Amino acid sequence: MERKICKGVKAEIGFADSPVSMVGTIVDVNSQRLVVSLTQDQGAGRSAATPKTNRLGGVRVVATANDALYRFTSTLLQSSDSLLYLSFPGEVQRVQRREDVRQPCLIDVEVKIPRGERVPSRRARATAVNISCGGLLIIFDGRLEVGDAVALSMELPDGGPLAEVAARVVRTEPYSHRGQELMRVALRLERLQPADRKRLTQFITKCQVKARATSL
C-alpha cells in the first residue's frame, strides 16, 4: 500500500448517492482495511451525519498527505458511530501536489456563463461542495464542458462576498440525486484578487481550526 496513506492523514470520502463528501482522519491501517474517524463539524455550520447502512459499498477517497493528494477507490465495509471501516485499496494514485488545501463546504454560487458576442450571458445557481484558493467543486443543474470559461460570484460564510472571479471548467461528471440529473463540475480559479485570496485563505484556515478542535 502507498506509504503516504497512513495514520493521521486527512481523508475525504465521496458516496455515489450524495454530493457532499465526508471528511475525517485515518486512525488505523492494516493489510485488510483502514479506519477513518469522521470530523463532526464540516466547517460550514453543518454536522456530518453518520453513514446509513444502505451506503455500504463503493466509495471514492481523496487523502491529503504532506506532499500531495492521493486518490483511490475502496469499499465501505462497516460504519459505527463516527468511524468508517474501508477495505484495503488495490491501487493508490497520486493526483496532484498539495498546493491549495481543499475545504468541504456548502456555499451558494452564482455562475455567469458567456454566450458569445450576439447572445447575452446567462446566470445560473450552483452549490460549491468543496473549495480552495485554486478551485472548487460545484453541483450544477445545467450543462458545462471542459474548457468553458465562466465567472463566479459567492459569499463566504462569515466572510462576506468575493469579487466576481474568473474560472475555467477542468472536469465534469454526471450526478443523479433524488431522480434529478445534475452535474459535478470542477473549476479552476483564475486571476483571484490578492484581497479575495487572503479572505478565502482565512476562511479555509478558520474551518480547519474549528474541525480540529471538535475532533480532539
Protein backbone atom coordinates (compact mmCIF):
# COMPACT_ATOMS: atom_id res chain seq x y z
CA MET A 1 0.00 0.00 0.00
CA GLU A 2 1.17 3.55 -0.72
CA ARG A 3 3.15 4.61 2.34
CA LYS A 4 1.60 8.06 2.21
CA ILE A 5 -1.78 6.56 3.22
CA CYS A 6 -1.12 6.18 6.92
CA LYS A 7 -2.40 7.16 10.35
CA GLY A 8 -3.00 10.86 10.79
CA VAL A 9 -3.69 11.59 7.11
CA LYS A 10 -6.85 13.56 6.33
CA ALA A 11 -9.31 11.79 4.03
CA GLU A 12 -12.34 12.94 2.04
CA ILE A 13 -14.87 10.17 1.30
CA GLY A 14 -17.37 10.55 -1.53
CA PHE A 15 -20.54 8.49 -1.91
CA ALA A 16 -22.39 7.87 -5.17
CA ASP A 17 -25.72 9.00 -3.66
CA SER A 18 -24.52 12.24 -2.04
CA PRO A 19 -22.99 15.45 -3.47
CA VAL A 20 -21.30 16.28 -0.17
CA SER A 21 -18.21 14.36 0.86
CA MET A 22 -17.48 13.29 4.42
CA VAL A 23 -14.17 14.30 5.93
CA GLY A 24 -12.11 12.63 8.63
CA THR A 25 -8.72 11.33 9.70
CA ILE A 26 -7.25 7.89 9.11
CA VAL A 27 -6.78 6.43 12.59
CA ASP A 28 -5.78 2.84 11.78
CA VAL A 29 -4.35 0.95 8.77
CA ASN A 30 -3.54 -2.71 8.25
CA SER A 31 -3.34 -5.12 5.32
CA GLN A 32 -7.10 -5.72 5.35
CA ARG A 33 -8.70 -2.34 5.96
CA LEU A 34 -8.30 1.23 7.08
CA VAL A 35 -10.39 3.14 9.62
CA VAL A 36 -11.45 6.77 9.21
CA SER A 37 -12.70 8.84 12.14
CA LEU A 38 -15.18 11.40 10.81
CA THR A 39 -14.93 15.06 11.66
CA GLN A 40 -18.27 16.01 13.19
CA ASP A 41 -18.14 19.63 12.01
CA GLN A 42 -17.61 20.16 8.29
CA GLY A 43 -16.54 23.78 8.75
CA ALA A 44 -19.63 25.42 7.21
CA GLY A 45 -22.06 25.31 10.08
CA ARG A 46 -23.31 21.77 9.37
CA SER A 47 -22.63 18.45 11.02
CA ALA A 48 -21.54 15.26 9.32
CA ALA A 49 -24.18 12.57 9.54
CA THR A 50 -23.03 9.03 10.22
CA PRO A 51 -23.46 6.98 7.02
CA LYS A 52 -26.52 4.79 6.84
CA THR A 53 -26.14 1.07 6.26
CA ASN A 54 -27.62 1.39 2.75
CA ARG A 55 -24.48 3.30 1.77
CA LEU A 56 -22.28 0.26 2.28
CA GLY A 57 -20.40 -0.31 -0.96
CA GLY A 58 -18.03 1.55 -3.26
CA VAL A 59 -16.64 4.93 -2.20
CA ARG A 60 -14.14 7.41 -3.63
CA VAL A 61 -11.38 8.57 -1.31
CA VAL A 62 -9.01 11.54 -1.61
CA ALA A 63 -6.26 11.54 1.03
CA THR A 64 -4.30 14.72 1.80
CA ALA A 65 -0.72 13.87 2.69
CA ASN A 66 2.01 16.40 3.41
CA ASP A 67 3.33 16.44 -0.14
CA ALA A 68 0.35 15.66 -2.38
CA LEU A 69 -3.20 14.46 -2.84
CA TYR A 70 -3.78 10.74 -3.32
CA ARG A 71 -6.93 9.15 -4.74
CA PHE A 72 -8.24 5.59 -4.59
CA THR A 73 -11.47 3.64 -4.62
CA SER A 74 -12.47 1.43 -1.73
CA THR A 75 -15.47 -0.34 -0.20
CA LEU A 76 -17.28 0.83 2.89
CA LEU A 77 -17.39 -2.36 4.94
CA GLN A 78 -18.97 -1.01 8.11
CA SER A 79 -19.86 2.22 9.88
CA SER A 80 -20.05 2.63 13.64
CA ASP A 81 -20.80 5.96 15.30
CA SER A 82 -18.23 8.31 13.72
CA LEU A 83 -15.97 5.55 12.35
CA LEU A 84 -15.85 4.27 8.77
CA TYR A 85 -14.21 0.91 8.03
CA LEU A 86 -12.91 0.81 4.45
CA SER A 87 -11.40 -2.06 2.51
CA PHE A 88 -7.68 -2.10 1.72
CA PRO A 89 -7.31 -0.25 -1.63
CA GLY A 90 -5.78 -2.09 -4.54
CA GLU A 91 -4.24 0.96 -6.19
CA VAL A 92 -3.42 4.45 -4.97
CA GLN A 93 -2.99 7.25 -7.50
CA ARG A 94 -1.11 10.47 -6.84
CA VAL A 95 -3.28 13.14 -8.44
CA GLN A 96 -1.55 16.45 -7.67
CA ARG A 97 0.93 18.19 -5.46
CA ARG A 98 -0.61 19.76 -2.41
CA GLU A 99 -0.52 23.46 -3.24
CA ASP A 100 -4.02 24.51 -2.21
CA VAL A 101 -5.90 22.84 0.63
CA ARG A 102 -9.46 21.88 -0.25
CA GLN A 103 -12.17 22.59 2.31
CA PRO A 104 -15.55 20.81 2.27
CA CYS A 105 -18.37 23.35 2.31
CA LEU A 106 -21.93 24.12 1.26
CA ILE A 107 -21.82 27.57 -0.35
CA ASP A 108 -24.31 29.07 -2.81
CA VAL A 109 -22.59 30.16 -6.02
CA GLU A 110 -23.82 32.21 -8.96
CA VAL A 111 -22.32 31.07 -12.26
CA LYS A 112 -22.17 33.55 -15.15
CA ILE A 113 -21.89 31.70 -18.47
CA PRO A 114 -20.76 33.74 -21.51
CA ARG A 115 -22.80 33.01 -24.65
CA GLY A 116 -20.91 34.86 -27.36
CA GLU A 117 -20.95 38.31 -28.95
CA ARG A 118 -24.57 38.26 -30.11
CA VAL A 119 -26.03 36.12 -27.34
CA PRO A 120 -26.16 37.60 -23.81
CA SER A 121 -24.57 35.72 -20.96
CA ARG A 122 -26.84 33.84 -18.59
CA ARG A 123 -26.63 33.33 -14.85
CA ALA A 124 -27.34 30.10 -13.01
CA ARG A 125 -27.23 28.95 -9.40
CA ALA A 126 -25.00 26.16 -8.12
CA THR A 127 -23.68 24.80 -4.82
CA ALA A 128 -19.97 24.55 -4.00
CA VAL A 129 -19.23 21.36 -2.04
CA ASN A 130 -15.50 21.97 -1.64
CA ILE A 131 -13.28 24.98 -2.22
CA SER A 132 -9.63 26.06 -2.18
CA CYS A 133 -7.66 29.07 -3.36
CA GLY A 134 -7.05 27.14 -6.57
CA GLY A 135 -10.55 25.97 -7.43
CA LEU A 136 -13.82 24.47 -6.32
CA LEU A 137 -16.24 21.63 -7.00
CA ILE A 138 -19.85 22.60 -7.67
CA ILE A 139 -23.12 20.75 -8.12
CA PHE A 140 -24.80 22.31 -11.15
CA ASP A 141 -28.21 21.89 -12.80
CA GLY A 142 -27.14 22.64 -16.33
CA ARG A 143 -24.54 21.91 -18.96
CA LEU A 144 -20.87 22.88 -18.98
CA GLU A 145 -17.97 21.44 -20.96
CA VAL A 146 -14.30 21.05 -20.12
CA GLY A 147 -12.52 24.24 -21.13
CA ASP A 148 -15.55 26.52 -20.73
CA ALA A 149 -14.79 29.90 -19.17
CA VAL A 150 -17.24 31.19 -16.54
CA ALA A 151 -17.40 33.89 -13.87
CA LEU A 152 -18.35 33.12 -10.27
CA SER A 153 -19.95 35.18 -7.52
CA MET A 154 -20.24 33.84 -3.99
CA GLU A 155 -20.43 34.88 -0.37
CA LEU A 156 -18.27 33.13 2.20
CA PRO A 157 -19.98 32.19 5.47
CA ASP A 158 -18.99 34.93 7.94
CA GLY A 159 -16.62 36.28 5.29
CA GLY A 160 -18.72 38.44 3.01
CA PRO A 161 -18.88 38.36 -0.81
CA LEU A 162 -15.92 37.73 -3.10
CA ALA A 163 -15.46 39.87 -6.18
CA GLU A 164 -16.59 38.20 -9.40
CA VAL A 165 -13.94 35.55 -10.10
CA ALA A 166 -12.96 34.11 -13.48
CA ALA A 167 -12.84 30.31 -13.59
CA ARG A 168 -12.43 27.52 -16.13
CA VAL A 169 -14.01 24.06 -16.23
CA VAL A 170 -11.41 21.31 -15.79
CA ARG A 171 -13.60 18.27 -15.14
CA THR A 172 -17.28 17.28 -15.33
CA GLU A 173 -19.23 14.17 -14.42
CA PRO A 174 -22.94 13.33 -14.30
CA TYR A 175 -24.59 13.15 -10.91
CA SER A 176 -28.06 11.85 -10.11
CA HIS A 177 -29.80 12.96 -6.91
CA ARG A 178 -33.38 12.04 -5.98
CA GLY A 179 -34.29 11.47 -9.59
CA GLN A 180 -32.78 14.76 -10.77
CA GLU A 181 -29.95 14.67 -13.30
CA LEU A 182 -27.22 17.14 -12.27
CA MET A 183 -23.51 17.61 -12.88
CA ARG A 184 -20.42 17.72 -10.70
CA VAL A 185 -18.17 20.40 -12.17
CA ALA A 186 -14.57 21.05 -11.10
CA LEU A 187 -13.48 24.64 -11.71
CA ARG A 188 -10.02 26.19 -11.64
CA LEU A 189 -9.98 29.77 -10.34
CA GLU A 190 -8.15 32.30 -12.50
CA ARG A 191 -6.92 35.79 -11.58
CA LEU A 192 -8.10 35.67 -7.97
CA GLN A 193 -7.55 39.11 -6.49
CA PRO A 194 -4.98 39.24 -3.64
CA ALA A 195 -7.55 40.56 -1.15
CA ASP A 196 -10.01 37.78 -2.07
CA ARG A 197 -7.25 35.15 -1.89
CA LYS A 198 -6.40 36.35 1.62
CA ARG A 199 -10.06 36.21 2.73
CA LEU A 200 -10.53 32.77 1.19
CA THR A 201 -7.37 31.51 2.90
CA GLN A 202 -8.60 32.89 6.22
CA PHE A 203 -11.98 31.21 5.74
CA ILE A 204 -10.37 27.82 4.98
CA THR A 205 -7.97 28.14 7.91
CA LYS A 206 -10.81 29.03 10.27
CA CYS A 207 -12.76 25.96 9.11
CA GLN A 208 -9.76 23.68 9.63
CA VAL A 209 -9.07 25.03 13.11
CA LYS A 210 -12.71 24.53 14.06
CA ALA A 211 -12.69 21.00 12.65
CA ARG A 212 -9.52 20.07 14.56
CA ALA A 213 -10.92 21.50 17.79
CA THR A 214 -14.11 19.41 17.53
CA SER A 215 -12.12 16.23 16.80
CA LEU A 216 -9.95 16.49 19.93
